[in-house]
Every structure is written in structure tokens, then in C-alpha cells.
């Protein structure tokens, strides 16, 4: 690892990333996976795309978001100085399958 950050232009666009993540979810399902575990997700866009793909696979999904405390004590998104609860807006309607939310 060079320690250099990738230029944003070098990263795939949202449509390409969504297609790749959906393909991976299907590969996991076809290989016999019973669960997709998305743990310590922190990037808002990638978190949303991964969750959509995982849920779309029809497999059981475990999804965890990363958060941190701001200097003022508020719970913030780990990636940006944004209220963490706003990032939770990427979650589908709560149908009782989301225990442990605070």
C-alpha cells in the first residue's frame, strides 16, 4: 500500500458500483451462502448500495453502521460530520427485523 488516497475520478460511479455489488451478492448466494454480513459500514453511498444488493439477494442480512461521538457528544456518521441518525435513513421500513437500534 502506498498510503496515497485514490482520486475520486478513479473510483467507479454509483451505477457501476451497484452492479458490481449486486453481482457479488448473487455469487455469494449461488455459492451457498446463507447470510450476508455487512459490518462496520461507514461510507453513506457504499453502505446504501451494499444493503440494497444484500437485501435483493434474498439471503438473510446482518447490517452494522459505524458511528463516532463528536466533540459536542452527538452521535455522528463515522465518515462525515453528519448526524448518524440521518444515515440510518438508508434502512428500509422497519418490519420488526431490526433489533438493537437506539
Protein backbone atom coordinates (compact mmCIF):
# COMPACT_ATOMS: atom_id res chain seq x y z
CA UNK A 1 0.00 0.00 0.00
CA UNK A 2 1.36 3.36 -0.98
CA UNK A 3 -0.62 5.33 1.60
CA UNK A 4 -1.99 7.57 -1.16
CA UNK A 5 -5.72 8.15 -1.42
CA UNK A 6 -7.44 7.33 -4.70
CA UNK A 7 -8.60 10.24 -6.77
CA UNK A 8 -12.42 10.36 -6.87
CA UNK A 9 -12.32 10.06 -10.66
CA UNK A 10 -10.54 6.68 -10.27
CA UNK A 11 -13.45 5.22 -8.31
CA UNK A 12 -16.39 3.55 -10.04
CA UNK A 13 -19.57 5.57 -10.38
CA UNK A 14 -22.66 4.70 -8.36
CA UNK A 15 -24.28 2.65 -11.16
CA UNK A 16 -21.13 0.61 -11.77
CA UNK A 17 -20.59 0.06 -8.04
CA UNK A 18 -24.22 -1.02 -7.57
CA UNK A 19 -23.94 -3.53 -10.43
CA UNK A 20 -20.68 -4.96 -9.05
CA UNK A 21 -22.02 -5.25 -5.50
CA UNK A 22 -25.24 -6.90 -6.75
CA UNK A 23 -23.18 -9.34 -8.80
CA UNK A 24 -21.11 -10.22 -5.74
CA UNK A 25 -24.25 -10.80 -3.65
CA UNK A 26 -25.56 -13.18 -6.31
CA UNK A 27 -22.20 -15.01 -6.50
CA UNK A 28 -22.30 -15.50 -2.72
CA UNK A 29 -25.86 -16.84 -2.92
CA UNK A 30 -25.01 -19.17 -5.81
CA UNK A 31 -22.00 -20.46 -3.84
CA UNK A 32 -24.28 -21.48 -0.98
CA UNK A 33 -24.03 -18.54 1.42
CA UNK A 34 -26.93 -18.30 3.86
CA UNK A 35 -26.11 -14.86 5.25
CA UNK A 36 -24.51 -11.64 4.04
CA UNK A 37 -22.79 -9.78 6.84
CA UNK A 38 -22.25 -6.05 6.27
CA UNK A 39 -20.35 -4.96 9.35
CA UNK A 40 -18.80 -1.61 10.27
CA UNK A 41 -20.26 0.14 7.23
CA UNK A 42 -19.32 3.81 7.26
CA UNK A 43 -19.48 5.34 3.77
CA UNK A 44 -23.06 6.55 3.17
CA UNK A 45 -23.27 5.72 -0.54
CA UNK A 46 -21.46 2.37 -0.39
CA UNK A 47 -23.45 1.39 2.70
CA UNK A 48 -26.73 2.02 0.90
CA UNK A 49 -25.63 0.18 -2.27
CA UNK A 50 -24.37 -2.81 -0.30
CA UNK A 51 -27.56 -3.02 1.76
CA UNK A 52 -29.79 -2.83 -1.32
CA UNK A 53 -27.78 -5.58 -3.04
CA UNK A 54 -27.71 -7.79 0.04
CA UNK A 55 -31.44 -7.49 0.63
CA UNK A 56 -32.08 -8.03 -3.07
CA UNK A 57 -30.24 -11.35 -2.94
CA UNK A 58 -32.97 -12.87 -0.79
CA UNK A 59 -30.41 -14.00 1.79
CA UNK A 60 -30.52 -13.12 5.45
CA UNK A 61 -28.62 -9.86 6.09
CA UNK A 62 -26.74 -8.58 9.13
CA UNK A 63 -26.06 -4.86 8.78
CA UNK A 64 -23.98 -2.71 11.12
CA UNK A 65 -23.22 1.00 10.80
CA UNK A 66 -20.12 2.65 12.26
CA UNK A 67 -20.54 5.82 14.28
CA UNK A 68 -18.48 8.10 16.48
CA UNK A 69 -19.03 10.81 19.06
CA UNK A 70 -18.45 14.41 18.03
CA UNK A 71 -16.69 16.91 20.27
CA UNK A 72 -20.14 18.03 21.46
CA UNK A 73 -21.16 14.45 22.32
CA UNK A 74 -23.54 13.99 19.39
CA UNK A 75 -23.56 10.64 17.60
CA UNK A 76 -22.06 11.27 14.16
CA UNK A 77 -21.61 9.37 10.94
CA UNK A 78 -18.09 7.92 11.01
CA UNK A 79 -17.29 9.16 7.51
CA UNK A 80 -18.62 12.73 7.70
CA UNK A 81 -19.63 15.23 10.37
CA UNK A 82 -23.27 14.35 9.85
CA UNK A 83 -25.82 13.19 12.39
CA UNK A 84 -25.64 9.39 12.50
CA UNK A 85 -29.41 9.01 12.66
CA UNK A 86 -29.67 10.63 9.23
CA UNK A 87 -27.55 7.82 7.75
CA UNK A 88 -30.00 5.33 9.20
CA UNK A 89 -32.47 6.70 6.65
CA UNK A 90 -30.96 4.24 4.17
CA UNK A 91 -32.65 1.41 6.03
CA UNK A 92 -35.89 0.01 4.63
CA UNK A 93 -39.13 0.36 6.56
CA UNK A 94 -38.79 -1.34 9.94
CA UNK A 95 -40.72 -4.57 9.67
CA UNK A 96 -39.56 -5.87 13.02
CA UNK A 97 -36.31 -7.31 11.73
CA UNK A 98 -34.06 -4.59 13.12
CA UNK A 99 -33.42 -5.28 16.80
CA UNK A 100 -30.98 -3.21 18.76
CA UNK A 101 -31.46 0.21 17.19
CA UNK A 102 -31.00 3.15 19.54
